[in-house]
C-alpha atoms as a PDB file:
ATOM      1  CA  MET A   1      48.566 130.476  31.115  1.00  0.00           C
ATOM      2  CA  GLU A   2      47.477 133.118  28.630  1.00  0.00           C
ATOM      3  CA  LEU A   3      48.655 131.001  25.723  1.00  0.00           C
ATOM      4  CA  ARG A   4      46.451 128.078  26.733  1.00  0.00           C
ATOM      5  CA  THR A   5      43.461 130.384  27.033  1.00  0.00           C
ATOM      6  CA  ARG A   6      44.070 131.823  23.596  1.00  0.00           C
ATOM      7  CA  LEU A   7      44.389 128.341  22.142  1.00  0.00           C
ATOM      8  CA  GLN A   8      41.147 127.153  23.729  1.00  0.00           C
ATOM      9  CA  ASN A   9      39.299 130.256  22.537  1.00  0.00           C
ATOM     10  CA  SER A  10      40.550 129.702  18.991  1.00  0.00           C
ATOM     11  CA  LYS A  11      39.546 126.033  19.058  1.00  0.00           C
ATOM     12  CA  SER A  12      36.052 127.032  20.163  1.00  0.00           C
ATOM     13  CA  ALA A  13      35.813 129.594  17.367  1.00  0.00           C
ATOM     14  CA  PHE A  14      36.908 126.971  14.840  1.00  0.00           C
ATOM     15  CA  ARG A  15      34.338 124.456  16.079  1.00  0.00           C
ATOM     16  CA  GLU A  16      31.545 127.005  15.759  1.00  0.00           C
ATOM     17  CA  VAL A  17      32.146 127.398  12.021  1.00  0.00           C
ATOM     18  CA  GLY A  18      32.891 123.752  11.274  1.00  0.00           C
ATOM     19  CA  ILE A  19      36.680 123.968  11.089  1.00  0.00           C
ATOM     20  CA  ASN A  20      38.644 121.159  12.709  1.00  0.00           C
ATOM     21  CA  GLU A  21      39.929 122.485  16.028  1.00  0.00           C
ATOM     22  CA  VAL A  22      43.184 120.637  15.437  1.00  0.00           C
ATOM     23  CA  ASP A  23      44.012 123.383  12.942  1.00  0.00           C
ATOM     24  CA  ALA A  24      44.356 125.836  15.842  1.00  0.00           C
ATOM     25  CA  GLU A  25      46.905 123.556  17.473  1.00  0.00           C
ATOM     26  CA  LEU A  26      48.786 123.149  14.208  1.00  0.00           C
ATOM     27  CA  LEU A  27      48.934 126.907  13.692  1.00  0.00           C
ATOM     28  CA  LEU A  28      50.261 127.529  17.190  1.00  0.00           C
ATOM     29  CA  ALA A  29      52.782 124.705  16.945  1.00  0.00           C
ATOM     30  CA  HIS A  30      54.001 126.111  13.634  1.00  0.00           C
ATOM     31  CA  LEU A  31      54.531 129.565  15.127  1.00  0.00           C
ATOM     32  CA  LEU A  32      56.394 128.096  18.108  1.00  0.00           C
ATOM     33  CA  GLY A  33      58.496 125.863  15.894  1.00  0.00           C
ATOM     34  CA  ILE A  34      57.461 122.683  17.707  1.00  0.00           C
ATOM     35  CA  SER A  35      55.308 119.670  16.899  1.00  0.00           C
ATOM     36  CA  ARG A  36      51.615 119.605  17.708  1.00  0.00           C
ATOM     37  CA  MET A  37      52.265 116.904  20.304  1.00  0.00           C
ATOM     38  CA  ASP A  38      54.825 119.153  22.011  1.00  0.00           C
ATOM     39  CA  LEU A  39      52.062 121.658  22.723  1.00  0.00           C
ATOM     40  CA  HIS A  40      51.050 119.324  25.539  1.00  0.00           C
ATOM     41  CA  ASN A  41      54.569 119.488  26.975  1.00  0.00           C
ATOM     42  CA  SER A  42      54.509 122.561  29.211  1.00  0.00           C
ATOM     43  CA  VAL A  43      58.287 122.507  29.639  1.00  0.00           C
ATOM     44  CA  LYS A  44      58.819 122.568  25.871  1.00  0.00           C
ATOM     45  CA  VAL A  45      56.271 125.357  25.389  1.00  0.00           C
ATOM     46  CA  GLU A  46      57.762 127.491  28.176  1.00  0.00           C
ATOM     47  CA  GLN A  47      61.203 126.983  26.698  1.00  0.00           C
ATOM     48  CA  ARG A  48      60.087 128.223  23.286  1.00  0.00           C
ATOM     49  CA  LEU A  49      58.329 131.225  24.811  1.00  0.00           C
ATOM     50  CA  SER A  50      61.407 132.104  26.860  1.00  0.00           C
ATOM     51  CA  GLU A  51      63.489 132.027  23.676  1.00  0.00           C
ATOM     52  CA  ALA A  52      61.133 134.434  21.897  1.00  0.00           C
ATOM     53  CA  HIS A  53      62.221 138.060  21.665  1.00  0.00           C
ATOM     54  CA  ASN A  54      58.670 139.230  22.230  1.00  0.00           C
ATOM     55  CA  VAL A  55      55.954 136.849  23.430  1.00  0.00           C
ATOM     56  CA  SER A  56      53.232 139.329  22.528  1.00  0.00           C
ATOM     57  CA  ASP A  57      54.345 139.072  18.894  1.00  0.00           C
ATOM     58  CA  ILE A  58      53.641 135.331  18.977  1.00  0.00           C
ATOM     59  CA  PHE A  59      50.198 136.003  20.422  1.00  0.00           C
ATOM     60  CA  ASP A  60      49.519 138.561  17.693  1.00  0.00           C
ATOM     61  CA  GLU A  61      50.756 136.248  14.934  1.00  0.00           C
ATOM     62  CA  PHE A  62      48.604 133.442  16.282  1.00  0.00           C
ATOM     63  CA  GLU A  63      45.541 135.681  16.291  1.00  0.00           C
ATOM     64  CA  ILE A  64      46.193 136.766  12.697  1.00  0.00           C
ATOM     65  CA  ALA A  65      46.744 133.171  11.586  1.00  0.00           C
ATOM     66  CA  CYS A  66      43.493 132.063  13.224  1.00  0.00           C
ATOM     67  CA  GLN A  67      41.568 134.893  11.588  1.00  0.00           C
ATOM     68  CA  ARG A  68      42.934 133.849   8.196  1.00  0.00           C
ATOM     69  CA  ARG A  69      41.830 130.277   8.845  1.00  0.00           C
ATOM     70  CA  LEU A  70      38.386 131.431   9.992  1.00  0.00           C
ATOM     71  CA  ALA A  71      38.118 133.365   6.721  1.00  0.00           C
ATOM     72  CA  GLY A  72      38.506 130.059   4.901  1.00  0.00           C
ATOM     73  CA  GLU A  73      42.154 130.245   3.871  1.00  0.00           C
ATOM     74  CA  PRO A  74      43.705 126.763   3.706  1.00  0.00           C
ATOM     75  CA  LEU A  75      45.880 125.812   6.651  1.00  0.00           C
ATOM     76  CA  GLN A  76      48.747 124.995   4.292  1.00  0.00           C
ATOM     77  CA  TYR A  77      48.689 128.490   2.788  1.00  0.00           C
ATOM     78  CA  ILE A  78      48.975 130.021   6.253  1.00  0.00           C
ATOM     79  CA  THR A  79      51.854 127.816   7.376  1.00  0.00           C
ATOM     80  CA  GLU A  80      53.286 127.785   3.823  1.00  0.00           C
ATOM     81  CA  VAL A  81      53.935 124.064   4.244  1.00  0.00           C
ATOM     82  CA  ALA A  82      52.289 120.903   2.907  1.00  0.00           C
ATOM     83  CA  TYR A  83      53.274 117.314   3.564  1.00  0.00           C
ATOM     84  CA  PHE A  84      53.093 114.735   0.792  1.00  0.00           C
ATOM     85  CA  HIS A  85      54.338 111.185   1.110  1.00  0.00           C
ATOM     86  CA  ASN A  86      57.824 111.657   2.624  1.00  0.00           C
ATOM     87  CA  VAL A  87      58.288 115.161   1.271  1.00  0.00           C
ATOM     88  CA  THR A  88      57.815 118.592   2.838  1.00  0.00           C
ATOM     89  CA  LEU A  89      56.658 121.116   0.254  1.00  0.00           C
ATOM     90  CA  SER A  90      56.375 124.869   0.122  1.00  0.00           C
ATOM     91  CA  VAL A  91      52.898 125.982  -0.969  1.00  0.00           C
ATOM     92  CA  GLY A  92      50.871 129.157  -1.108  1.00  0.00           C
ATOM     93  CA  PRO A  93      48.367 131.108  -3.196  1.00  0.00           C
ATOM     94  CA  GLY A  94      48.596 130.100  -6.839  1.00  0.00           C
ATOM     95  CA  VAL A  95      49.383 126.425  -6.367  1.00  0.00           C
ATOM     96  CA  LEU A  96      47.136 123.489  -5.506  1.00  0.00           C
ATOM     97  CA  VAL A  97      47.584 121.993  -2.045  1.00  0.00           C
ATOM     98  CA  PRO A  98      48.661 118.350  -2.540  1.00  0.00           C
ATOM     99  CA  ARG A  99      46.027 115.862  -1.380  1.00  0.00           C
ATOM    100  CA  PRO A 100      46.784 112.651   0.512  1.00  0.00           C
ATOM    101  CA  GLU A 101      44.739 110.671  -2.032  1.00  0.00           C
ATOM    102  CA  THR A 102      47.367 111.426  -4.663  1.00  0.00           C
ATOM    103  CA  GLU A 103      50.062 109.730  -2.591  1.00  0.00           C
ATOM    104  CA  ALA A 104      48.827 106.343  -3.824  1.00  0.00           C
ATOM    105  CA  ILE A 105      50.089 107.184  -7.317  1.00  0.00           C
ATOM    106  CA  ALA A 106      53.556 107.964  -5.976  1.00  0.00           C
ATOM    107  CA  GLU A 107      53.547 104.767  -3.919  1.00  0.00           C
ATOM    108  CA  SER A 108      52.543 102.676  -6.928  1.00  0.00           C
ATOM    109  CA  VAL A 109      55.301 104.150  -9.087  1.00  0.00           C
ATOM    110  CA  LEU A 110      57.911 103.678  -6.367  1.00  0.00           C
ATOM    111  CA  THR A 111      56.888 100.051  -5.866  1.00  0.00           C
ATOM    112  CA  HIS A 112      57.186  99.498  -9.612  1.00  0.00           C
ATOM    113  CA  LEU A 113      60.599 101.166  -9.775  1.00  0.00           C
ATOM    114  CA  GLN A 114      61.959  98.997  -6.968  1.00  0.00           C
ATOM    115  CA  GLN A 115      61.616  96.031  -9.299  1.00  0.00           C
ATOM    116  CA  ILE A 116      63.692  97.684 -12.042  1.00  0.00           C
ATOM    117  CA  ARG A 117      67.463  98.137 -11.925  1.00  0.00           C
ATOM    118  CA  THR A 118      67.877 100.205 -15.072  1.00  0.00           C
ATOM    119  CA  GLN A 119      67.186 103.916 -15.403  1.00  0.00           C
ATOM    120  CA  VAL A 120      63.526 104.773 -15.965  1.00  0.00           C
ATOM    121  CA  SER A 121      62.147 108.006 -17.426  1.00  0.00           C
ATOM    122  CA  VAL A 122      59.164 109.484 -15.578  1.00  0.00           C
ATOM    123  CA  VAL A 123      57.084 112.465 -16.708  1.00  0.00           C
ATOM    124  CA  ASP A 124      54.785 114.376 -14.346  1.00  0.00           C
ATOM    125  CA  LEU A 125      52.203 116.251 -16.416  1.00  0.00           C
ATOM    126  CA  GLY A 126      50.865 119.403 -14.761  1.00  0.00           C
ATOM    127  CA  ALA A 127      53.304 119.073 -11.883  1.00  0.00           C
ATOM    128  CA  GLY A 128      52.017 121.960  -9.752  1.00  0.00           C
ATOM    129  CA  SER A 129      53.999 122.127  -6.513  1.00  0.00           C
ATOM    130  CA  GLY A 130      56.015 119.121  -7.651  1.00  0.00           C
ATOM    131  CA  ALA A 131      54.500 116.683  -5.165  1.00  0.00           C
ATOM    132  CA  LEU A 132      54.512 113.610  -7.400  1.00  0.00           C
ATOM    133  CA  ALA A 133      57.718 114.447  -9.244  1.00  0.00           C
ATOM    134  CA  ILE A 134      59.683 115.113  -6.056  1.00  0.00           C
ATOM    135  CA  ALA A 135      58.283 112.145  -4.127  1.00  0.00           C
ATOM    136  CA  ILE A 136      59.390 109.869  -6.956  1.00  0.00           C
ATOM    137  CA  ALA A 137      62.735 111.524  -7.703  1.00  0.00           C
ATOM    138  CA  THR A 138      63.890 111.650  -4.082  1.00  0.00           C
ATOM    139  CA  GLN A 139      63.049 108.018  -3.341  1.00  0.00           C
ATOM    140  CA  ALA A 140      63.903 106.274  -6.606  1.00  0.00           C
ATOM    141  CA  PRO A 141      67.563 106.686  -7.605  1.00  0.00           C
ATOM    142  CA  ASN A 142      66.893 105.039 -10.955  1.00  0.00           C
ATOM    143  CA  ALA A 143      64.177 107.534 -11.926  1.00  0.00           C
ATOM    144  CA  ARG A 144      64.952 110.335 -14.374  1.00  0.00           C
ATOM    145  CA  VAL A 145      62.061 112.715 -13.733  1.00  0.00           C
ATOM    146  CA  VAL A 146      60.677 115.494 -15.905  1.00  0.00           C
ATOM    147  CA  ALA A 147      58.056 117.908 -14.553  1.00  0.00           C
ATOM    148  CA  VAL A 148      55.802 119.710 -17.030  1.00  0.00           C
ATOM    149  CA  GLU A 149      54.101 122.894 -15.816  1.00  0.00           C
ATOM    150  CA  LYS A 150      53.128 126.106 -17.593  1.00  0.00           C
ATOM    151  CA  ASP A 151      51.398 128.184 -14.900  1.00  0.00           C
ATOM    152  CA  PRO A 152      53.745 130.949 -13.669  1.00  0.00           C
ATOM    153  CA  ALA A 153      52.409 130.904 -10.110  1.00  0.00           C
ATOM    154  CA  ALA A 154      52.795 127.145  -9.782  1.00  0.00           C
ATOM    155  CA  LEU A 155      56.257 127.259 -11.342  1.00  0.00           C
ATOM    156  CA  VAL A 156      57.510 129.445  -8.495  1.00  0.00           C
ATOM    157  CA  TYR A 157      56.701 126.721  -5.969  1.00  0.00           C
ATOM    158  CA  LEU A 158      57.766 123.887  -8.252  1.00  0.00           C
ATOM    159  CA  LYS A 159      61.264 125.307  -8.694  1.00  0.00           C
ATOM    160  CA  LYS A 160      61.544 126.257  -5.032  1.00  0.00           C
ATOM    161  CA  ASN A 161      60.588 122.761  -3.894  1.00  0.00           C
ATOM    162  CA  ILE A 162      62.917 121.054  -6.340  1.00  0.00           C
ATOM    163  CA  ALA A 163      65.801 123.206  -5.093  1.00  0.00           C
ATOM    164  CA  ALA A 164      64.951 122.572  -1.437  1.00  0.00           C
ATOM    165  CA  CYS A 165      64.729 118.815  -1.911  1.00  0.00           C
ATOM    166  CA  GLU A 166      67.874 118.732  -4.050  1.00  0.00           C
ATOM    167  CA  ALA A 167      65.960 116.545  -6.468  1.00  0.00           C
ATOM    168  CA  GLN A 168      67.301 115.822  -9.934  1.00  0.00           C
ATOM    169  CA  ILE A 169      64.256 116.949 -11.910  1.00  0.00           C
ATOM    170  CA  SER A 170      64.057 118.685 -15.277  1.00  0.00           C
ATOM    171  CA  VAL A 171      61.358 121.348 -15.539  1.00  0.00           C
ATOM    172  CA  ILE A 172      59.588 121.938 -18.845  1.00  0.00           C
ATOM    173  CA  GLU A 173      57.703 125.249 -18.867  1.00  0.00           C
ATOM    174  CA  GLU A 174      55.164 124.410 -21.520  1.00  0.00           C
ATOM    175  CA  ASP A 175      51.552 123.412 -22.049  1.00  0.00           C
ATOM    176  CA  VAL A 176      50.851 119.721 -21.555  1.00  0.00           C
ATOM    177  CA  ALA A 177      49.270 119.539 -25.007  1.00  0.00           C
ATOM    178  CA  THR A 178      52.498 120.472 -26.778  1.00  0.00           C
ATOM    179  CA  ALA A 179      55.289 119.616 -24.347  1.00  0.00           C
ATOM    180  CA  LEU A 180      57.969 117.003 -24.994  1.00  0.00           C
ATOM    181  CA  GLN A 181      57.466 116.657 -28.730  1.00  0.00           C
ATOM    182  CA  GLY A 182      59.527 113.718 -29.948  1.00  0.00           C
ATOM    183  CA  VAL A 183      60.348 112.592 -26.401  1.00  0.00           C
ATOM    184  CA  LYS A 184      59.472 109.109 -25.168  1.00  0.00           C
ATOM    185  CA  ALA A 185      59.074 108.068 -21.532  1.00  0.00           C
ATOM    186  CA  ASP A 186      58.559 104.891 -19.540  1.00  0.00           C
ATOM    187  CA  ILE A 187      56.048 106.298 -17.048  1.00  0.00           C
ATOM    188  CA  VAL A 188      53.629 109.220 -17.071  1.00  0.00           C
ATOM    189  CA  VAL A 189      51.885 110.405 -13.909  1.00  0.00           C
ATOM    190  CA  ALA A 190      49.167 113.023 -13.936  1.00  0.00           C
ATOM    191  CA  ASN A 191      46.761 114.734 -11.576  1.00  0.00           C
ATOM    192  CA  PRO A 192      44.917 116.953 -14.053  1.00  0.00           C
ATOM    193  CA  PRO A 193      42.160 119.431 -13.231  1.00  0.00           C
ATOM    194  CA  TYR A 194      39.059 117.224 -13.371  1.00  0.00           C
ATOM    195  CA  ILE A 195      36.273 118.988 -11.461  1.00  0.00           C
ATOM    196  CA  HIS A 196      33.430 120.144 -13.705  1.00  0.00           C
ATOM    197  CA  ASP A 197      32.850 123.871 -14.046  1.00  0.00           C
ATOM    198  CA  GLY A 198      30.399 125.229 -11.493  1.00  0.00           C
ATOM    199  CA  ALA A 199      30.784 122.322  -9.079  1.00  0.00           C
ATOM    200  CA  ASP A 200      29.830 122.963  -5.452  1.00  0.00           C
ATOM    201  CA  LEU A 201      33.131 123.009  -3.562  1.00  0.00           C
ATOM    202  CA  PRO A 202      34.177 123.914  -0.021  1.00  0.00           C
ATOM    203  CA  ARG A 203      34.798 127.607   0.475  1.00  0.00           C
ATOM    204  CA  GLU A 204      38.495 127.167   1.245  1.00  0.00           C
ATOM    205  CA  VAL A 205      38.948 125.410  -2.080  1.00  0.00           C
ATOM    206  CA  VAL A 206      36.920 127.530  -4.481  1.00  0.00           C
ATOM    207  CA  GLU A 207      37.860 130.914  -2.964  1.00  0.00           C
ATOM    208  CA  PHE A 208      41.551 130.315  -2.421  1.00  0.00           C
ATOM    209  CA  GLU A 209      43.020 127.541  -4.566  1.00  0.00           C
ATOM    210  CA  PRO A 210      43.738 128.211  -8.256  1.00  0.00           C
ATOM    211  CA  ALA A 211      40.824 127.466 -10.581  1.00  0.00           C
ATOM    212  CA  VAL A 212      43.245 126.437 -13.323  1.00  0.00           C
ATOM    213  CA  ALA A 213      44.345 123.507 -11.157  1.00  0.00           C
ATOM    214  CA  LEU A 214      40.817 122.486 -10.189  1.00  0.00           C
ATOM    215  CA  PHE A 215      38.411 122.759 -13.085  1.00  0.00           C
ATOM    216  CA  GLY A 216      38.617 120.479 -16.102  1.00  0.00           C
ATOM    217  CA  GLY A 217      35.938 122.045 -18.292  1.00  0.00           C
ATOM    218  CA  PRO A 218      32.118 121.912 -18.552  1.00  0.00           C
ATOM    219  CA  THR A 219      32.024 118.162 -17.889  1.00  0.00           C
ATOM    220  CA  GLY A 220      35.341 117.949 -16.056  1.00  0.00           C
ATOM    221  CA  MET A 221      36.699 115.601 -18.722  1.00  0.00           C
ATOM    222  CA  GLU A 222      37.938 118.167 -21.229  1.00  0.00           C
ATOM    223  CA  VAL A 223      41.335 118.689 -19.580  1.00  0.00           C
ATOM    224  CA  PRO A 224      41.900 115.033 -18.593  1.00  0.00           C
ATOM    225  CA  LYS A 225      41.408 114.126 -22.258  1.00  0.00           C
ATOM    226  CA  ILE A 226      44.227 116.512 -23.180  1.00  0.00           C
ATOM    227  CA  PHE A 227      46.472 114.882 -20.592  1.00  0.00           C
ATOM    228  CA  ILE A 228      45.618 111.411 -21.882  1.00  0.00           C
ATOM    229  CA  ALA A 229      46.388 112.473 -25.461  1.00  0.00           C
ATOM    230  CA  ALA A 230      49.765 113.760 -24.274  1.00  0.00           C
ATOM    231  CA  ALA A 231      50.444 110.472 -22.491  1.00  0.00           C
ATOM    232  CA  VAL A 232      49.586 108.541 -25.660  1.00  0.00           C
ATOM    233  CA  ARG A 233      52.144 110.639 -27.541  1.00  0.00           C
ATOM    234  CA  ILE A 234      54.863 110.497 -24.888  1.00  0.00           C
ATOM    235  CA  LEU A 235      54.748 106.916 -23.617  1.00  0.00           C
ATOM    236  CA  LYS A 236      56.816 104.142 -25.107  1.00  0.00           C
ATOM    237  CA  PRO A 237      55.008 100.906 -26.025  1.00  0.00           C
ATOM    238  CA  GLY A 238      54.527  99.124 -22.717  1.00  0.00           C
ATOM    239  CA  GLY A 239      54.885 102.380 -20.803  1.00  0.00           C
ATOM    240  CA  LEU A 240      52.680 103.069 -17.792  1.00  0.00           C
ATOM    241  CA  LEU A 241      50.144 105.833 -17.228  1.00  0.00           C
ATOM    242  CA  LEU A 242      48.815 106.644 -13.770  1.00  0.00           C
ATOM    243  CA  ILE A 243      46.150 109.356 -13.757  1.00  0.00           C
ATOM    244  CA  GLU A 244      43.967 110.751 -10.986  1.00  0.00           C
ATOM    245  CA  HIS A 245      40.282 111.545 -11.562  1.00  0.00           C
ATOM    246  CA  GLY A 246      36.952 112.030  -9.839  1.00  0.00           C
ATOM    247  CA  GLU A 247      34.949 109.058  -8.621  1.00  0.00           C
ATOM    248  CA  ALA A 248      32.219 109.559 -11.218  1.00  0.00           C
ATOM    249  CA  GLN A 249      34.802 109.785 -14.016  1.00  0.00           C
ATOM    250  CA  ALA A 250      36.409 106.365 -13.575  1.00  0.00           C
ATOM    251  CA  ASP A 251      34.505 104.663 -16.383  1.00  0.00           C
ATOM    252  CA  LEU A 252      34.849 107.707 -18.647  1.00  0.00           C
ATOM    253  CA  ILE A 253      38.607 107.642 -18.147  1.00  0.00           C
ATOM    254  CA  SER A 254      38.696 103.911 -18.900  1.00  0.00           C
ATOM    255  CA  ASP A 255      36.715 104.461 -22.089  1.00  0.00           C
ATOM    256  CA  GLU A 256      39.089 107.241 -23.147  1.00  0.00           C
ATOM    257  CA  LEU A 257      42.079 104.966 -22.580  1.00  0.00           C
ATOM    258  CA  ALA A 258      40.648 101.882 -24.266  1.00  0.00           C
ATOM    259  CA  GLY A 259      41.900 102.570 -27.791  1.00  0.00           C
ATOM    260  CA  ASN A 260      45.557 103.052 -26.861  1.00  0.00           C
ATOM    261  CA  PHE A 261      46.057 101.189 -23.586  1.00  0.00           C
ATOM    262  CA  VAL A 262      45.702  97.714 -22.111  1.00  0.00           C
ATOM    263  CA  GLY A 263      45.577  96.515 -18.512  1.00  0.00           C
ATOM    264  CA  ILE A 264      43.291  99.396 -17.586  1.00  0.00           C
ATOM    265  CA  THR A 265      42.769  99.231 -13.821  1.00  0.00           C
ATOM    266  CA  GLN A 266      40.731 101.480 -11.552  1.00  0.00           C
ATOM    267  CA  HIS A 267      42.097 102.054  -8.046  1.00  0.00           C
ATOM    268  CA  LEU A 268      40.193 103.050  -4.903  1.00  0.00           C
ATOM    269  CA  ASP A 269      41.240 105.667  -2.364  1.00  0.00           C
ATOM    270  CA  HIS A 270      41.003 105.322   1.418  1.00  0.00           C
ATOM    271  CA  ASN A 271      37.290 106.106   1.227  1.00  0.00           C
ATOM    272  CA  GLU A 272      36.705 103.257  -1.226  1.00  0.00           C
ATOM    273  CA  ARG A 273      36.119 105.683  -4.099  1.00  0.00           C
ATOM    274  CA  ALA A 274      37.584 105.170  -7.561  1.00  0.00           C
ATOM    275  CA  ARG A 275      40.302 107.825  -7.470  1.00  0.00           C
ATOM    276  CA  TRP A 276      42.911 106.935 -10.095  1.00  0.00           C
ATOM    277  CA  THR A 277      43.504 104.623 -13.013  1.00  0.00           C
ATOM    278  CA  SER A 278      46.600 102.857 -14.286  1.00  0.00           C
ATOM    279  CA  ALA A 279      47.102 101.493 -17.793  1.00  0.00           C
ATOM    280  CA  GLU A 280      49.824 100.178 -20.096  1.00  0.00           C
ATOM    281  CA  ARG A 281      50.496 101.787 -23.475  1.00  0.00           C
ATOM    282  CA  ARG A 282      49.875  99.464 -26.420  1.00  0.00           C
END
């Protein structure tokens, strides 16, 4: 089958440049509107091809998609879809692709909220695509979520994703440093830009994803400090902060929190690296 040959050729091309060959399968499955596992079901594949108005168009689209991936463009930008926790998000140029490591913050908040029967206010600082805000809002009925984001490109995806998920989320289009003056919240979550300027990053990250969502200043701590200051201002006494950071920044984050927070706890990701910290506002 010509399709199988094209898929194998693309997988070989991906392997040669160090791209996971699974990406070729994911791209083809996306274009066919089936799961990756269904690619191995010849009946399902033939059915989808028979339903297509023009099979050659699918071949052409697959070739274009593979060339984009070979050029370093993130898979999620090509498919325009990213999966985070139990949420399907729309993503593309201008917004950071949600990382699986960040899911632990959502899981921790949701576990905490399950133990509370009253309404809880949650603020997502620098919400980006809305991954954290939407994951929390759609799975915690008692959460009243506010998403803070100022970047116009990210706001397009944030609003689109909120509408698609039918989540009850308020969007504040303002800088984290000045947003929510006079407002108090029970929980603040944040995944600020924390990579230091000039860091050596994979091509698909540095050439395609927005620098404003990646880089946190000369040391990488300049922006996280702004987010922490905002959390200090916004959180009620006893309120919780959950903030993501780089592995090497864990102790720096703890030191920054020490004056205004107690119960400072560093949490490891799946690779046993210190990835985020939780703390309780004094």
